[in-house]
C-alpha atoms as a PDB file:
ATOM      1  CA  UNK A   1     -32.352 -25.164 -10.416  1.00  0.00           C
ATOM      2  CA  UNK A   2     -28.884 -26.908 -11.282  1.00  0.00           C
ATOM      3  CA  UNK A   3     -26.064 -25.264 -12.655  1.00  0.00           C
ATOM      4  CA  UNK A   4     -26.221 -24.881 -16.448  1.00  0.00           C
ATOM      5  CA  UNK A   5     -24.497 -27.626 -18.378  1.00  0.00           C
ATOM      6  CA  UNK A   6     -23.329 -28.468 -21.384  1.00  0.00           C
ATOM      7  CA  UNK A   7     -22.759 -31.578 -23.567  1.00  0.00           C
ATOM      8  CA  UNK A   8     -19.538 -33.931 -22.617  1.00  0.00           C
ATOM      9  CA  UNK A   9     -16.422 -33.750 -25.007  1.00  0.00           C
ATOM     10  CA  UNK A  10     -16.618 -36.301 -27.219  1.00  0.00           C
ATOM     11  CA  UNK A  11     -15.884 -39.441 -25.544  1.00  0.00           C
ATOM     12  CA  UNK A  12     -17.026 -38.224 -22.228  1.00  0.00           C
ATOM     13  CA  UNK A  13     -19.512 -40.098 -19.742  1.00  0.00           C
ATOM     14  CA  UNK A  14     -22.098 -37.254 -19.502  1.00  0.00           C
ATOM     15  CA  UNK A  15     -23.016 -33.658 -19.308  1.00  0.00           C
ATOM     16  CA  UNK A  16     -20.035 -31.571 -17.835  1.00  0.00           C
ATOM     17  CA  UNK A  17     -20.650 -28.212 -16.241  1.00  0.00           C
ATOM     18  CA  UNK A  18     -20.581 -24.897 -18.094  1.00  0.00           C
ATOM     19  CA  UNK A  19     -18.263 -22.569 -15.928  1.00  0.00           C
ATOM     20  CA  UNK A  20     -18.733 -20.083 -18.192  1.00  0.00           C
ATOM     21  CA  UNK A  21     -21.982 -19.483 -16.788  1.00  0.00           C
ATOM     22  CA  UNK A  22     -20.989 -19.849 -13.117  1.00  0.00           C
ATOM     23  CA  UNK A  23     -19.784 -16.155 -11.488  1.00  0.00           C
ATOM     24  CA  UNK A  24     -16.734 -15.888  -9.912  1.00  0.00           C
ATOM     25  CA  UNK A  25     -15.160 -18.960 -12.476  1.00  0.00           C
ATOM     26  CA  UNK A  26     -15.899 -17.487 -15.890  1.00  0.00           C
ATOM     27  CA  UNK A  27     -13.052 -15.971 -18.173  1.00  0.00           C
ATOM     28  CA  UNK A  28     -13.251 -12.038 -17.450  1.00  0.00           C
ATOM     29  CA  UNK A  29     -14.275 -10.284 -21.259  1.00  0.00           C
ATOM     30  CA  UNK A  30     -14.237  -6.873 -21.853  1.00  0.00           C
ATOM     31  CA  UNK A  31     -17.137  -5.392 -23.654  1.00  0.00           C
ATOM     32  CA  UNK A  32     -16.442  -6.594 -26.828  1.00  0.00           C
ATOM     33  CA  UNK A  33     -16.386 -10.319 -25.613  1.00  0.00           C
ATOM     34  CA  UNK A  34     -12.331 -10.805 -25.841  1.00  0.00           C
ATOM     35  CA  UNK A  35     -10.929 -12.316 -22.375  1.00  0.00           C
ATOM     36  CA  UNK A  36      -8.837  -9.912 -20.414  1.00  0.00           C
ATOM     37  CA  UNK A  37      -5.789 -11.691 -19.670  1.00  0.00           C
ATOM     38  CA  UNK A  38      -5.807 -12.645 -15.667  1.00  0.00           C
ATOM     39  CA  UNK A  39      -3.035  -9.780 -14.524  1.00  0.00           C
ATOM     40  CA  UNK A  40      -5.112  -7.312 -16.305  1.00  0.00           C
ATOM     41  CA  UNK A  41      -7.877  -7.348 -14.349  1.00  0.00           C
ATOM     42  CA  UNK A  42      -8.379  -5.292 -11.396  1.00  0.00           C
ATOM     43  CA  UNK A  43      -7.528  -6.809  -7.856  1.00  0.00           C
ATOM     44  CA  UNK A  44     -10.489  -5.427  -6.058  1.00  0.00           C
ATOM     45  CA  UNK A  45      -9.237  -4.633  -2.581  1.00  0.00           C
ATOM     46  CA  UNK A  46     -12.037  -3.878   0.584  1.00  0.00           C
ATOM     47  CA  UNK A  47     -12.749  -5.081   3.792  1.00  0.00           C
ATOM     48  CA  UNK A  48     -15.618  -6.031   6.340  1.00  0.00           C
ATOM     49  CA  UNK A  49     -15.513  -2.986   7.587  1.00  0.00           C
ATOM     50  CA  UNK A  50     -16.250  -1.228   3.961  1.00  0.00           C
ATOM     51  CA  UNK A  51     -18.789  -3.971   3.028  1.00  0.00           C
ATOM     52  CA  UNK A  52     -17.164  -5.074   0.032  1.00  0.00           C
ATOM     53  CA  UNK A  53     -14.843  -3.269  -2.364  1.00  0.00           C
ATOM     54  CA  UNK A  54     -13.839   0.109  -1.860  1.00  0.00           C
ATOM     55  CA  UNK A  55     -11.388   0.048  -4.495  1.00  0.00           C
ATOM     56  CA  UNK A  56     -12.000  -2.119  -8.034  1.00  0.00           C
ATOM     57  CA  UNK A  57     -12.679  -1.685 -11.784  1.00  0.00           C
ATOM     58  CA  UNK A  58     -15.621  -2.695 -13.665  1.00  0.00           C
ATOM     59  CA  UNK A  59     -15.335  -6.616 -14.524  1.00  0.00           C
ATOM     60  CA  UNK A  60     -15.159  -6.180 -18.606  1.00  0.00           C
ATOM     61  CA  UNK A  61     -12.245  -3.386 -18.325  1.00  0.00           C
ATOM     62  CA  UNK A  62      -8.524  -4.469 -18.326  1.00  0.00           C
ATOM     63  CA  UNK A  63      -6.499  -2.494 -16.376  1.00  0.00           C
ATOM     64  CA  UNK A  64      -3.798  -0.074 -18.510  1.00  0.00           C
ATOM     65  CA  UNK A  65      -0.580  -2.095 -19.163  1.00  0.00           C
ATOM     66  CA  UNK A  66       1.220   0.562 -17.221  1.00  0.00           C
ATOM     67  CA  UNK A  67      -1.011   0.018 -13.682  1.00  0.00           C
ATOM     68  CA  UNK A  68      -0.916  -3.975 -13.588  1.00  0.00           C
ATOM     69  CA  UNK A  69      -1.013  -5.027 -10.182  1.00  0.00           C
ATOM     70  CA  UNK A  70      -3.664  -1.812  -9.278  1.00  0.00           C
ATOM     71  CA  UNK A  71      -6.605  -2.713  -7.042  1.00  0.00           C
ATOM     72  CA  UNK A  72      -8.400   0.184  -9.472  1.00  0.00           C
ATOM     73  CA  UNK A  73      -9.928   3.372  -8.062  1.00  0.00           C
ATOM     74  CA  UNK A  74     -12.597   4.118  -5.518  1.00  0.00           C
ATOM     75  CA  UNK A  75     -16.214   2.743  -5.793  1.00  0.00           C
ATOM     76  CA  UNK A  76     -19.320   3.438  -3.999  1.00  0.00           C
ATOM     77  CA  UNK A  77     -18.641   7.173  -3.583  1.00  0.00           C
ATOM     78  CA  UNK A  78     -15.537   6.111  -0.852  1.00  0.00           C
ATOM     79  CA  UNK A  79     -13.091   9.124  -0.267  1.00  0.00           C
ATOM     80  CA  UNK A  80      -9.720   7.326   0.062  1.00  0.00           C
ATOM     81  CA  UNK A  81      -6.394   8.967   1.267  1.00  0.00           C
ATOM     82  CA  UNK A  82      -2.857   8.051   2.074  1.00  0.00           C
ATOM     83  CA  UNK A  83      -1.378   9.182   5.148  1.00  0.00           C
ATOM     84  CA  UNK A  84       2.223   9.027   6.900  1.00  0.00           C
ATOM     85  CA  UNK A  85       1.228   6.386   9.813  1.00  0.00           C
ATOM     86  CA  UNK A  86       3.256   8.302  12.619  1.00  0.00           C
ATOM     87  CA  UNK A  87       2.478  11.935  11.796  1.00  0.00           C
ATOM     88  CA  UNK A  88      -1.000  11.925  10.204  1.00  0.00           C
ATOM     89  CA  UNK A  89       0.638  13.991   6.961  1.00  0.00           C
ATOM     90  CA  UNK A  90      -1.590  13.635   4.120  1.00  0.00           C
ATOM     91  CA  UNK A  91       0.427  12.172   1.403  1.00  0.00           C
ATOM     92  CA  UNK A  92       0.071  12.680  -2.466  1.00  0.00           C
ATOM     93  CA  UNK A  93       0.083  10.927  -5.382  1.00  0.00           C
ATOM     94  CA  UNK A  94       2.614   7.932  -5.794  1.00  0.00           C
ATOM     95  CA  UNK A  95       3.638   7.978  -1.904  1.00  0.00           C
ATOM     96  CA  UNK A  96       3.062   4.757   0.612  1.00  0.00           C
ATOM     97  CA  UNK A  97       1.716   5.053   3.440  1.00  0.00           C
ATOM     98  CA  UNK A  98      -1.682   4.124   5.591  1.00  0.00           C
ATOM     99  CA  UNK A  99      -4.988   4.057   3.651  1.00  0.00           C
ATOM    100  CA  UNK A 100      -8.091   5.762   5.139  1.00  0.00           C
ATOM    101  CA  UNK A 101     -11.256   5.692   4.086  1.00  0.00           C
ATOM    102  CA  UNK A 102     -14.562   7.813   4.788  1.00  0.00           C
ATOM    103  CA  UNK A 103     -18.415   7.663   3.080  1.00  0.00           C
ATOM    104  CA  UNK A 104     -19.533   5.205   0.759  1.00  0.00           C
ATOM    105  CA  UNK A 105     -21.029   1.903   2.680  1.00  0.00           C
ATOM    106  CA  UNK A 106     -18.419   2.531   5.569  1.00  0.00           C
ATOM    107  CA  UNK A 107     -19.083   1.087   9.125  1.00  0.00           C
ATOM    108  CA  UNK A 108     -20.682   3.397  11.557  1.00  0.00           C
ATOM    109  CA  UNK A 109     -18.602   2.059  14.324  1.00  0.00           C
ATOM    110  CA  UNK A 110     -17.675  -1.184  16.659  1.00  0.00           C
ATOM    111  CA  UNK A 111     -19.747  -2.414  19.397  1.00  0.00           C
ATOM    112  CA  UNK A 112     -19.380  -0.688  22.768  1.00  0.00           C
ATOM    113  CA  UNK A 113     -16.226   0.764  21.403  1.00  0.00           C
ATOM    114  CA  UNK A 114     -16.191   5.075  21.421  1.00  0.00           C
ATOM    115  CA  UNK A 115     -15.862   6.018  17.712  1.00  0.00           C
ATOM    116  CA  UNK A 116     -13.866   8.633  18.882  1.00  0.00           C
ATOM    117  CA  UNK A 117     -11.238   5.818  19.411  1.00  0.00           C
ATOM    118  CA  UNK A 118     -12.134   4.139  15.626  1.00  0.00           C
ATOM    119  CA  UNK A 119     -12.199   6.744  13.635  1.00  0.00           C
ATOM    120  CA  UNK A 120     -10.400  10.107  13.288  1.00  0.00           C
ATOM    121  CA  UNK A 121     -11.668  13.892  14.079  1.00  0.00           C
ATOM    122  CA  UNK A 122     -12.630  14.073  10.196  1.00  0.00           C
ATOM    123  CA  UNK A 123     -14.740  11.022  10.211  1.00  0.00           C
ATOM    124  CA  UNK A 124     -11.811   8.864   8.033  1.00  0.00           C
ATOM    125  CA  UNK A 125     -11.469   4.994   9.121  1.00  0.00           C
ATOM    126  CA  UNK A 126      -7.764   3.844   9.298  1.00  0.00           C
ATOM    127  CA  UNK A 127      -7.745   0.368   7.726  1.00  0.00           C
ATOM    128  CA  UNK A 128      -3.835  -0.657   8.925  1.00  0.00           C
ATOM    129  CA  UNK A 129      -3.123  -1.493   4.639  1.00  0.00           C
ATOM    130  CA  UNK A 130      -0.347  -0.041   3.685  1.00  0.00           C
ATOM    131  CA  UNK A 131      -0.773   1.473   0.013  1.00  0.00           C
ATOM    132  CA  UNK A 132      -0.255   3.896  -2.541  1.00  0.00           C
ATOM    133  CA  UNK A 133      -2.687   5.824  -4.920  1.00  0.00           C
ATOM    134  CA  UNK A 134      -1.501   7.011  -8.205  1.00  0.00           C
ATOM    135  CA  UNK A 135      -2.670  10.727  -9.610  1.00  0.00           C
ATOM    136  CA  UNK A 136      -5.540   8.399 -12.142  1.00  0.00           C
ATOM    137  CA  UNK A 137      -6.602   6.934  -8.737  1.00  0.00           C
ATOM    138  CA  UNK A 138      -5.437   3.505  -9.625  1.00  0.00           C
ATOM    139  CA  UNK A 139      -4.678   1.903  -6.216  1.00  0.00           C
ATOM    140  CA  UNK A 140      -2.118  -0.614  -5.172  1.00  0.00           C
ATOM    141  CA  UNK A 141      -1.887  -2.428  -2.338  1.00  0.00           C
ATOM    142  CA  UNK A 142       1.789  -2.847  -0.316  1.00  0.00           C
ATOM    143  CA  UNK A 143       1.148  -4.553   2.919  1.00  0.00           C
ATOM    144  CA  UNK A 144      -0.293  -4.205   6.434  1.00  0.00           C
ATOM    145  CA  UNK A 145       1.323  -2.272   8.725  1.00  0.00           C
ATOM    146  CA  UNK A 146       2.335  -4.253  11.248  1.00  0.00           C
ATOM    147  CA  UNK A 147       4.426  -5.759   8.640  1.00  0.00           C
ATOM    148  CA  UNK A 148       5.959  -2.416   7.311  1.00  0.00           C
ATOM    149  CA  UNK A 149       9.571  -1.379   8.584  1.00  0.00           C
ATOM    150  CA  UNK A 150      10.521   1.980   8.145  1.00  0.00           C
ATOM    151  CA  UNK A 151      14.307   2.428   7.084  1.00  0.00           C
ATOM    152  CA  UNK A 152      16.038   5.337   6.024  1.00  0.00           C
ATOM    153  CA  UNK A 153      12.673   6.918   5.654  1.00  0.00           C
ATOM    154  CA  UNK A 154      11.463   4.262   3.066  1.00  0.00           C
ATOM    155  CA  UNK A 155       8.172   1.602   3.724  1.00  0.00           C
ATOM    156  CA  UNK A 156       9.655  -2.018   3.100  1.00  0.00           C
ATOM    157  CA  UNK A 157       7.206  -4.795   3.404  1.00  0.00           C
ATOM    158  CA  UNK A 158       9.118  -7.493   5.626  1.00  0.00           C
ATOM    159  CA  UNK A 159       6.814  -9.714   3.244  1.00  0.00           C
ATOM    160  CA  UNK A 160       8.203  -8.966   0.007  1.00  0.00           C
ATOM    161  CA  UNK A 161      12.039  -9.448   1.397  1.00  0.00           C
ATOM    162  CA  UNK A 162      10.591 -12.664   3.072  1.00  0.00           C
ATOM    163  CA  UNK A 163       9.520 -13.685  -0.445  1.00  0.00           C
ATOM    164  CA  UNK A 164      12.519 -12.788  -1.933  1.00  0.00           C
ATOM    165  CA  UNK A 165      14.967 -15.045   0.384  1.00  0.00           C
ATOM    166  CA  UNK A 166      12.059 -18.111   0.109  1.00  0.00           C
ATOM    167  CA  UNK A 167      12.416 -18.005  -3.696  1.00  0.00           C
ATOM    168  CA  UNK A 168      16.350 -18.810  -3.247  1.00  0.00           C
ATOM    169  CA  UNK A 169      17.016 -22.271  -3.732  1.00  0.00           C
ATOM    170  CA  UNK A 170      19.286 -22.095  -0.483  1.00  0.00           C
ATOM    171  CA  UNK A 171      16.561 -20.913   1.833  1.00  0.00           C
ATOM    172  CA  UNK A 172      13.926 -23.066   4.245  1.00  0.00           C
ATOM    173  CA  UNK A 173      12.563 -20.371   6.120  1.00  0.00           C
ATOM    174  CA  UNK A 174      13.109 -16.983   5.864  1.00  0.00           C
ATOM    175  CA  UNK A 175      12.416 -14.886   9.107  1.00  0.00           C
ATOM    176  CA  UNK A 176      12.451 -10.807   8.308  1.00  0.00           C
ATOM    177  CA  UNK A 177      12.227  -8.523  11.501  1.00  0.00           C
ATOM    178  CA  UNK A 178      13.066  -4.639  11.919  1.00  0.00           C
ATOM    179  CA  UNK A 179      15.498  -3.834  14.661  1.00  0.00           C
ATOM    180  CA  UNK A 180      15.438  -0.151  16.261  1.00  0.00           C
ATOM    181  CA  UNK A 181      18.472   1.766  14.860  1.00  0.00           C
ATOM    182  CA  UNK A 182      19.206   5.309  16.028  1.00  0.00           C
ATOM    183  CA  UNK A 183      20.089   6.773  12.350  1.00  0.00           C
ATOM    184  CA  UNK A 184      17.770   5.007  10.075  1.00  0.00           C
ATOM    185  CA  UNK A 185      15.028   4.200  12.547  1.00  0.00           C
ATOM    186  CA  UNK A 186      14.857   0.437  11.697  1.00  0.00           C
ATOM    187  CA  UNK A 187      17.462  -1.958  10.456  1.00  0.00           C
ATOM    188  CA  UNK A 188      16.528  -4.805   8.400  1.00  0.00           C
ATOM    189  CA  UNK A 189      17.638  -7.797   9.256  1.00  0.00           C
ATOM    190  CA  UNK A 190      16.683 -11.709   8.751  1.00  0.00           C
ATOM    191  CA  UNK A 191      17.695 -15.164   9.692  1.00  0.00           C
ATOM    192  CA  UNK A 192      17.236 -17.934   7.470  1.00  0.00           C
ATOM    193  CA  UNK A 193      16.885 -21.678   7.852  1.00  0.00           C
ATOM    194  CA  UNK A 194      18.970 -23.440   5.184  1.00  0.00           C
ATOM    195  CA  UNK A 195      17.652 -26.315   2.566  1.00  0.00           C
ATOM    196  CA  UNK A 196      19.160 -29.690   3.240  1.00  0.00           C
ATOM    197  CA  UNK A 197      22.627 -29.386   1.983  1.00  0.00           C
ATOM    198  CA  UNK A 198      22.634 -25.860   1.751  1.00  0.00           C
ATOM    199  CA  UNK A 199      25.822 -23.997   2.752  1.00  0.00           C
ATOM    200  CA  UNK A 200      24.774 -20.282   2.415  1.00  0.00           C
ATOM    201  CA  UNK A 201      26.511 -17.191   3.612  1.00  0.00           C
ATOM    202  CA  UNK A 202      25.164 -13.611   4.353  1.00  0.00           C
ATOM    203  CA  UNK A 203      27.668 -12.285   1.428  1.00  0.00           C
ATOM    204  CA  UNK A 204      25.875 -14.795  -0.832  1.00  0.00           C
ATOM    205  CA  UNK A 205      22.388 -14.386   0.049  1.00  0.00           C
ATOM    206  CA  UNK A 206      22.696 -10.523  -0.129  1.00  0.00           C
ATOM    207  CA  UNK A 207      23.989 -10.725  -3.448  1.00  0.00           C
ATOM    208  CA  UNK A 208      21.528 -12.922  -4.622  1.00  0.00           C
ATOM    209  CA  UNK A 209      18.800 -10.664  -3.209  1.00  0.00           C
ATOM    210  CA  UNK A 210      20.172  -7.689  -4.971  1.00  0.00           C
ATOM    211  CA  UNK A 211      19.045  -9.465  -8.066  1.00  0.00           C
ATOM    212  CA  UNK A 212      15.584  -9.173  -7.108  1.00  0.00           C
ATOM    213  CA  UNK A 213      15.329  -6.231  -4.528  1.00  0.00           C
ATOM    214  CA  UNK A 214      16.053  -2.644  -4.262  1.00  0.00           C
ATOM    215  CA  UNK A 215      19.127  -2.120  -2.579  1.00  0.00           C
ATOM    216  CA  UNK A 216      17.422  -0.548   0.498  1.00  0.00           C
ATOM    217  CA  UNK A 217      15.443  -3.041   0.877  1.00  0.00           C
ATOM    218  CA  UNK A 218      18.170  -5.953   1.302  1.00  0.00           C
ATOM    219  CA  UNK A 219      18.827  -6.862   4.965  1.00  0.00           C
ATOM    220  CA  UNK A 220      21.927  -5.278   6.220  1.00  0.00           C
ATOM    221  CA  UNK A 221      22.453  -8.644   8.230  1.00  0.00           C
ATOM    222  CA  UNK A 222      21.989 -12.211   7.246  1.00  0.00           C
ATOM    223  CA  UNK A 223      22.157 -14.667   9.920  1.00  0.00           C
ATOM    224  CA  UNK A 224      21.778 -18.642   9.077  1.00  0.00           C
ATOM    225  CA  UNK A 225      20.503 -20.565  11.921  1.00  0.00           C
ATOM    226  CA  UNK A 226      19.118 -24.059  12.671  1.00  0.00           C
ATOM    227  CA  UNK A 227      15.515 -25.283  12.528  1.00  0.00           C
ATOM    228  CA  UNK A 228      15.702 -25.870  16.125  1.00  0.00           C
ATOM    229  CA  UNK A 229      16.896 -22.369  16.797  1.00  0.00           C
ATOM    230  CA  UNK A 230      13.202 -20.990  15.505  1.00  0.00           C
ATOM    231  CA  UNK A 231      10.948 -19.931  17.959  1.00  0.00           C
ATOM    232  CA  UNK A 232       7.200 -20.986  16.930  1.00  0.00           C
ATOM    233  CA  UNK A 233       4.028 -20.354  18.917  1.00  0.00           C
ATOM    234  CA  UNK A 234       1.657 -23.005  19.750  1.00  0.00           C
ATOM    235  CA  UNK A 235      -0.345 -22.420  16.553  1.00  0.00           C
ATOM    236  CA  UNK A 236       2.857 -22.825  14.688  1.00  0.00           C
ATOM    237  CA  UNK A 237       3.196 -19.315  13.789  1.00  0.00           C
ATOM    238  CA  UNK A 238       6.913 -18.104  14.395  1.00  0.00           C
ATOM    239  CA  UNK A 239       6.910 -15.791  17.597  1.00  0.00           C
ATOM    240  CA  UNK A 240       8.763 -12.601  15.636  1.00  0.00           C
ATOM    241  CA  UNK A 241       8.969 -10.750  18.210  1.00  0.00           C
ATOM    242  CA  UNK A 242      11.024 -13.470  20.450  1.00  0.00           C
ATOM    243  CA  UNK A 243      12.825 -13.750  16.864  1.00  0.00           C
ATOM    244  CA  UNK A 244      13.873 -10.128  16.990  1.00  0.00           C
ATOM    245  CA  UNK A 245      15.191 -10.355  20.187  1.00  0.00           C
ATOM    246  CA  UNK A 246      17.253 -13.401  19.244  1.00  0.00           C
ATOM    247  CA  UNK A 247      18.837 -11.799  16.563  1.00  0.00           C
ATOM    248  CA  UNK A 248      19.543  -8.666  18.391  1.00  0.00           C
ATOM    249  CA  UNK A 249      21.146 -10.556  20.968  1.00  0.00           C
ATOM    250  CA  UNK A 250      23.515 -12.526  18.293  1.00  0.00           C
ATOM    251  CA  UNK A 251      24.401  -8.729  16.775  1.00  0.00           C
ATOM    252  CA  UNK A 252      24.879  -7.390  19.982  1.00  0.00           C
ATOM    253  CA  UNK A 253      27.803 -10.084  20.404  1.00  0.00           C
ATOM    254  CA  UNK A 254      29.641  -9.306  17.207  1.00  0.00           C
ATOM    255  CA  UNK A 255      32.265  -6.241  17.317  1.00  0.00           C
ATOM    256  CA  UNK A 256      30.449  -2.955  16.796  1.00  0.00           C
ATOM    257  CA  UNK A 257      31.773  -2.397  13.714  1.00  0.00           C
ATOM    258  CA  UNK A 258      30.118  -5.165  12.369  1.00  0.00           C
ATOM    259  CA  UNK A 259      26.691  -4.993  14.261  1.00  0.00           C
ATOM    260  CA  UNK A 260      25.324  -2.905  11.467  1.00  0.00           C
ATOM    261  CA  UNK A 261      26.359  -4.429   8.204  1.00  0.00           C
ATOM    262  CA  UNK A 262      27.922  -3.110   5.228  1.00  0.00           C
ATOM    263  CA  UNK A 263      25.909  -0.590   3.189  1.00  0.00           C
ATOM    264  CA  UNK A 264      23.916  -2.391   0.833  1.00  0.00           C
END
């Protein structure tokens, strides 16, 4: 049987498709039939290894206003915990770290890989996702472990910083990386290709970012570079490691007092 149809609107040429009858396309509604705004629906989170969502909310439920952006609470009897990826310390509510899963429909392991290399000794699977879980169980996805920078004890998503830079009209391409720093762990730095006709400065970009990001997320140094200075892979992706080396080399050439930049 084909998809449900409804009469075409007046003046139409034939039957249309009843979107409300198609799962995944219909407007989400609460138990009383009231539409749920998109921002109040849970952003369910799952992965192949969990065979579906491990965090979600019922489709007919709006997340509380103070939990907008949540991926919901645990589903399918999953146990979730957040740990410090460096130390393995289990973190309390509201703290950001790597999500680990146990139970539910979790996979048994990877083909021809020793389970001891996949799971923790107590059976949890490190997902590589950086999240925080609030005291009421609502989980918030913050990024992938490889995209997180650690500076002065805080986790910063380089993708969030890139998004903030990309939103500035004078920035065509932002590249954010972390450089090793003995004092704060990683120094957040960026290189940007300006839009045609724009002449941004490090100071102007930092000032604009302070209106969009917490101060500790604003790059300490921002280099303005030409389009042909960006290093690409054969699949048209930025070579982040090589760009980090290039930025580090440029900063090393500066007087010592200027390398780390001003406190933001």
